[in-house]
Amino acid sequence: MIIDSHTHIGVLPPFYMTADMLLDSMARFGIDFSLVSNIECAENDHEGNPVPPEYRVPQNDVLRKTLSEAKKAPEKLGVLPWLRIENELPDAAFEELLRENREIIYGLKLHPFHSKTAPDDERLEPVYRLAAEYKLPIVSHTGGREEAMSPHLYNAAKRHPELDFVMVHMDLGTDNRVALDLLGALPNLYGDTTWVPISTTLEAIRRCGSKKMLFGTDNPIDGADTLLHNRTGERSLYQQYFHELRDLLSDEAYEDLMWRNAAELFHIRVGGMN
């Protein structure tokens, strides 16, 4: 069994990702369940400029679209609503959508890089109160700009021991050392494997045990073959997770990483297993 704790749908040039693309990839590569967020909630591009007006979609509209896609395959897809934390915190309508669809919403997604807002910013306290009320983990991109670096997520996790937090990417574009050090510093702080070398994952398990890392991919960020090769045709690091990492871990540790930790953290029931 495999649970992918970090995938996407949505259209925001240059990215084009549909639920059908994701589901097809899942079938091809043996992924049983994926948690999905919609990139159409991105507030700024990779250069930090606001996305063009024609691609700015209200947060609640994006959530409705994402829920609609997940409802077509609830046994395969769960929703992590992407929050527009720079300009649009959850309102009453958002909470109503959450309450009405709680069975397919598994957490809340922050993207401090695209929102230029750190997770430890006091303005996010209403988000954390909402997460606590509905018992939802917080999943956050880490890496790429100061506001998105893992110490800010660590600060939020330390301030809110009642919530679980996931450091997606373990500080993308770095050697992961800071994120590794923080991983074991709090019981409610986790990491994921999205674009993380298996050497980092092995070190995380060596230091902290097998319960602190989740399997995640960003699928299908590089297209339908994201899990096979990158945009330049080079072999995807996820092939190492599928085929090589198993020989480097005990069966229990591999199962923890590839599905059990996500199932426990997000309360996912797949095939009657949890």
Protein backbone atom coordinates (compact mmCIF):
# COMPACT_ATOMS: atom_id res chain seq x y z
CA MET A 1 0.00 0.00 0.00
CA ILE A 2 1.13 3.56 -0.75
CA ILE A 3 -0.40 6.86 0.37
CA ASP A 4 0.91 9.99 -1.34
CA SER A 5 0.47 12.78 1.19
CA HIS A 6 1.28 15.63 -1.20
CA THR A 7 -0.23 15.97 -4.70
CA HIS A 8 -1.87 18.69 -6.80
CA ILE A 9 -4.51 19.55 -9.33
CA GLY A 10 -5.21 22.89 -10.99
CA VAL A 11 -4.27 25.12 -13.89
CA LEU A 12 -1.78 27.95 -13.40
CA PRO A 13 0.71 28.35 -16.26
CA PRO A 14 3.11 26.70 -16.75
CA PHE A 15 1.35 24.02 -14.71
CA TYR A 16 -1.61 22.01 -15.97
CA MET A 17 -2.75 19.22 -13.66
CA THR A 18 -6.11 17.48 -13.74
CA ALA A 19 -7.64 14.92 -11.41
CA ASP A 20 -7.69 12.45 -14.30
CA MET A 21 -3.92 12.91 -14.76
CA LEU A 22 -3.37 12.28 -11.07
CA LEU A 23 -5.62 9.23 -10.95
CA ASP A 24 -3.99 7.76 -14.06
CA SER A 25 -0.54 8.22 -12.54
CA MET A 26 -1.70 6.67 -9.28
CA ALA A 27 -2.95 3.60 -11.15
CA ARG A 28 0.27 3.26 -13.14
CA PHE A 29 2.57 3.53 -10.14
CA GLY A 30 0.54 1.70 -7.52
CA ILE A 31 -0.55 4.65 -5.37
CA ASP A 32 -3.63 3.70 -3.36
CA PHE A 33 -4.64 7.14 -2.01
CA SER A 34 -3.53 10.74 -2.52
CA LEU A 35 -4.08 13.95 -0.58
CA VAL A 36 -4.56 16.77 -3.08
CA SER A 37 -4.41 20.56 -2.97
CA ASN A 38 -5.23 22.96 -5.80
CA ILE A 39 -2.50 25.27 -7.14
CA GLU A 40 -5.09 27.81 -8.26
CA CYS A 41 -4.92 29.30 -4.76
CA ALA A 42 -1.31 30.44 -5.34
CA GLU A 43 -1.12 34.18 -4.67
CA ASN A 44 2.31 34.93 -6.14
CA ASP A 45 4.47 33.37 -8.83
CA HIS A 46 7.98 31.95 -8.39
CA GLU A 47 9.47 35.45 -8.68
CA GLY A 48 7.20 36.77 -5.94
CA ASN A 49 4.94 38.75 -8.26
CA PRO A 50 1.14 38.54 -7.87
CA VAL A 51 -0.35 36.00 -10.25
CA PRO A 52 -2.11 37.63 -13.25
CA PRO A 53 -5.66 38.78 -12.50
CA GLU A 54 -7.16 36.22 -14.88
CA TYR A 55 -5.74 33.43 -12.68
CA ARG A 56 -6.79 34.81 -9.30
CA VAL A 57 -9.59 32.58 -8.09
CA PRO A 58 -11.34 33.13 -4.74
CA GLN A 59 -10.31 30.58 -2.14
CA ASN A 60 -13.81 29.20 -1.64
CA ASP A 61 -14.33 28.71 -5.39
CA VAL A 62 -11.10 26.75 -5.60
CA LEU A 63 -12.17 24.61 -2.66
CA ARG A 64 -15.55 23.88 -4.25
CA LYS A 65 -13.80 22.80 -7.45
CA THR A 66 -11.37 20.59 -5.56
CA LEU A 67 -14.14 18.99 -3.51
CA SER A 68 -16.09 18.28 -6.69
CA GLU A 69 -13.15 16.37 -8.17
CA ALA A 70 -12.45 14.43 -4.98
CA LYS A 71 -16.10 13.41 -4.65
CA LYS A 72 -15.80 11.57 -7.98
CA ALA A 73 -13.23 9.23 -6.41
CA PRO A 74 -13.37 9.55 -2.60
CA GLU A 75 -11.76 6.13 -2.21
CA LYS A 76 -8.69 7.50 -4.02
CA LEU A 77 -8.54 11.25 -3.29
CA GLY A 78 -8.72 13.37 -0.16
CA VAL A 79 -8.62 17.19 0.01
CA LEU A 80 -6.07 19.49 1.63
CA PRO A 81 -7.55 22.97 1.05
CA TRP A 82 -4.81 25.41 -0.01
CA LEU A 83 -5.24 28.62 2.00
CA ARG A 84 -4.56 32.07 0.54
CA ILE A 85 -2.96 33.25 3.77
CA GLU A 86 -1.57 36.53 2.43
CA ASN A 87 -4.87 38.02 1.30
CA GLU A 88 -7.78 35.75 2.18
CA LEU A 89 -8.06 33.85 5.47
CA PRO A 90 -10.93 31.36 5.92
CA ASP A 91 -14.34 32.99 6.32
CA ALA A 92 -17.73 31.67 7.43
CA ALA A 93 -18.45 30.24 3.98
CA PHE A 94 -15.14 28.37 4.03
CA GLU A 95 -15.93 26.90 7.43
CA GLU A 96 -19.35 25.81 6.19
CA LEU A 97 -17.71 24.02 3.25
CA LEU A 98 -15.29 22.39 5.67
CA ARG A 99 -18.04 21.29 8.01
CA GLU A 100 -20.24 19.92 5.21
CA ASN A 101 -17.37 18.02 3.59
CA ARG A 102 -15.31 17.03 6.60
CA GLU A 103 -15.29 13.37 5.55
CA ILE A 104 -13.09 14.14 2.51
CA ILE A 105 -11.05 17.03 3.98
CA TYR A 106 -8.02 15.69 5.81
CA GLY A 107 -5.94 18.79 6.68
CA LEU A 108 -5.17 22.40 5.76
CA LYS A 109 -2.41 23.40 3.32
CA LEU A 110 -0.18 26.49 3.69
CA HIS A 111 2.21 27.71 1.03
CA PRO A 112 4.38 30.41 2.63
CA PHE A 113 6.49 30.65 -0.55
CA HIS A 114 3.59 31.57 -2.83
CA SER A 115 1.84 33.57 -0.10
CA LYS A 116 4.96 35.35 1.23
CA THR A 117 3.57 34.86 4.74
CA ALA A 118 5.34 32.87 7.46
CA PRO A 119 3.46 30.17 9.40
CA ASP A 120 4.38 31.84 12.69
CA ASP A 121 2.77 35.13 11.63
CA GLU A 122 0.19 36.11 14.26
CA ARG A 123 -2.36 36.68 11.49
CA LEU A 124 -2.63 32.90 11.07
CA GLU A 125 -3.99 32.28 14.55
CA PRO A 126 -7.59 31.99 13.23
CA VAL A 127 -6.34 29.25 10.89
CA TYR A 128 -4.90 27.30 13.78
CA ARG A 129 -8.03 27.73 15.86
CA LEU A 130 -10.07 26.35 12.95
CA ALA A 131 -7.67 23.44 12.51
CA ALA A 132 -7.89 22.61 16.21
CA GLU A 133 -11.68 22.73 16.21
CA TYR A 134 -11.92 20.28 13.29
CA LYS A 135 -8.86 18.23 14.29
CA LEU A 136 -6.99 18.90 11.04
CA PRO A 137 -3.19 18.67 10.62
CA ILE A 138 -1.36 21.61 9.04
CA VAL A 139 0.67 20.81 5.92
CA SER A 140 3.12 23.50 4.81
CA HIS A 141 5.59 23.99 1.99
CA THR A 142 9.08 24.73 3.31
CA GLY A 143 11.97 26.28 1.40
CA GLY A 144 12.63 28.94 -1.23
CA ARG A 145 12.19 32.19 0.70
CA GLU A 146 12.68 33.33 4.27
CA GLU A 147 8.99 33.18 5.19
CA ALA A 148 8.86 29.56 4.03
CA MET A 149 11.90 28.20 5.87
CA SER A 150 11.31 25.42 8.38
CA PRO A 151 12.13 27.40 11.58
CA HIS A 152 8.95 29.43 11.04
CA LEU A 153 6.87 26.25 10.88
CA TYR A 154 8.72 24.95 13.92
CA ASN A 155 7.71 28.13 15.80
CA ALA A 156 4.07 27.60 14.88
CA ALA A 157 4.22 23.94 15.91
CA LYS A 158 5.82 24.84 19.24
CA ARG A 159 3.12 27.43 19.86
CA HIS A 160 0.38 24.91 19.02
CA PRO A 161 1.16 21.51 20.55
CA GLU A 162 -2.49 20.55 20.03
CA LEU A 163 -1.91 20.42 16.25
CA ASP A 164 0.28 18.29 13.99
CA PHE A 165 2.45 20.05 11.38
CA VAL A 166 4.16 18.61 8.29
CA MET A 167 7.29 20.19 6.76
CA VAL A 168 6.75 19.52 3.07
CA HIS A 169 10.10 19.33 1.18
CA MET A 170 12.19 19.60 4.36
CA ASP A 171 13.39 23.03 3.08
CA LEU A 172 13.36 22.67 -0.70
CA GLY A 173 16.61 23.61 -2.42
CA THR A 174 18.78 23.12 0.67
CA ASP A 175 20.80 20.26 2.15
CA ASN A 176 17.85 19.64 4.53
CA ARG A 177 20.08 19.94 7.62
CA VAL A 178 18.01 22.56 9.44
CA ALA A 179 14.76 20.67 8.82
CA LEU A 180 16.42 17.45 9.98
CA ASP A 181 17.50 19.09 13.22
CA LEU A 182 14.00 20.44 13.83
CA LEU A 183 12.25 17.18 12.98
CA GLY A 184 13.19 15.58 16.27
CA ALA A 185 12.74 18.70 18.37
CA LEU A 186 8.94 18.51 18.69
CA PRO A 187 6.60 15.53 18.86
CA ASN A 188 4.02 17.26 16.62
CA LEU A 189 6.40 18.15 13.76
CA TYR A 190 6.78 15.81 10.77
CA GLY A 191 8.54 15.79 7.41
CA ASP A 192 7.68 14.52 3.95
CA THR A 193 9.69 13.16 1.03
CA THR A 194 8.61 15.58 -1.72
CA TRP A 195 11.82 16.14 -3.74
CA VAL A 196 13.79 14.94 -0.71
CA PRO A 197 16.76 12.63 -1.45
CA ILE A 198 16.53 9.17 0.08
CA SER A 199 19.74 9.95 1.98
CA THR A 200 17.86 12.63 3.93
CA THR A 201 14.94 10.30 4.57
CA LEU A 202 17.28 7.57 5.82
CA GLU A 203 18.99 10.06 8.13
CA ALA A 204 15.61 11.24 9.44
CA ILE A 205 14.63 7.67 10.24
CA ARG A 206 18.01 6.95 11.82
CA ARG A 207 17.72 9.98 14.10
CA CYS A 208 14.02 10.03 14.90
CA GLY A 209 12.66 6.58 14.15
CA SER A 210 10.27 5.54 11.40
CA LYS A 211 7.22 7.51 12.56
CA LYS A 212 8.26 11.04 11.58
CA MET A 213 8.36 11.02 7.75
CA LEU A 214 5.52 10.76 5.21
CA PHE A 215 5.75 9.79 1.55
CA GLY A 216 4.85 12.72 -0.74
CA THR A 217 5.65 13.61 -4.35
CA ASP A 218 4.04 16.79 -5.82
CA ASN A 219 2.52 14.46 -8.46
CA PRO A 220 1.78 15.35 -11.29
CA ILE A 221 3.80 18.59 -11.14
CA ASP A 222 6.14 17.47 -13.96
CA GLY A 223 3.36 15.91 -16.01
CA ALA A 224 1.85 12.46 -16.23
CA ASP A 225 5.26 10.80 -15.78
CA THR A 226 6.37 12.78 -12.71
CA LEU A 227 6.97 9.56 -10.78
CA LEU A 228 9.07 8.12 -13.63
CA HIS A 229 11.21 11.01 -14.82
CA ASN A 230 11.54 14.80 -14.53
CA ARG A 231 10.88 17.36 -17.26
CA THR A 232 14.34 16.81 -18.76
CA GLY A 233 13.89 13.05 -18.91
CA GLU A 234 16.15 12.19 -15.99
CA ARG A 235 15.02 9.33 -13.75
CA SER A 236 12.76 10.53 -10.96
CA LEU A 237 14.06 10.18 -7.41
CA TYR A 238 10.72 8.57 -6.60
CA GLN A 239 11.85 5.48 -8.48
CA GLN A 240 14.42 5.11 -5.72
CA TYR A 241 11.65 5.24 -3.12
CA PHE A 242 9.65 2.59 -4.98
CA HIS A 243 12.48 0.19 -5.81
CA GLU A 244 15.65 0.86 -3.80
CA LEU A 245 14.67 2.23 -0.42
CA ARG A 246 12.81 -0.95 0.49
CA ASP A 247 16.14 -2.81 0.65
CA LEU A 248 17.60 -0.16 2.97
CA LEU A 249 14.85 -0.24 5.61
CA SER A 250 13.07 -2.84 7.64
CA ASP A 251 9.65 -3.87 6.34
CA GLU A 252 8.01 -2.04 9.24
CA ALA A 253 9.92 1.20 8.65
CA TYR A 254 9.17 1.10 4.92
CA GLU A 255 5.47 0.57 5.55
CA ASP A 256 5.47 3.41 8.09
CA LEU A 257 6.99 5.76 5.54
CA MET A 258 4.99 4.75 2.50
CA TRP A 259 1.51 4.67 4.03
CA ARG A 260 1.06 3.96 7.72
CA ASN A 261 2.26 7.31 9.08
CA ALA A 262 -0.04 9.24 6.74
CA ALA A 263 -2.97 6.95 7.54
CA GLU A 264 -2.50 7.58 11.26
CA LEU A 265 -1.79 11.31 11.05
CA PHE A 266 -4.68 12.14 8.70
CA HIS A 267 -7.04 9.35 9.85
CA ILE A 268 -7.24 7.85 6.37
CA ARG A 269 -9.03 4.56 5.89
CA VAL A 270 -7.89 2.79 2.73
CA GLY A 271 -9.00 -0.74 1.95
CA GLY A 272 -10.13 -1.20 5.53
CA MET A 273 -6.60 -0.55 6.83
CA ASN A 274 -5.77 2.15 9.38
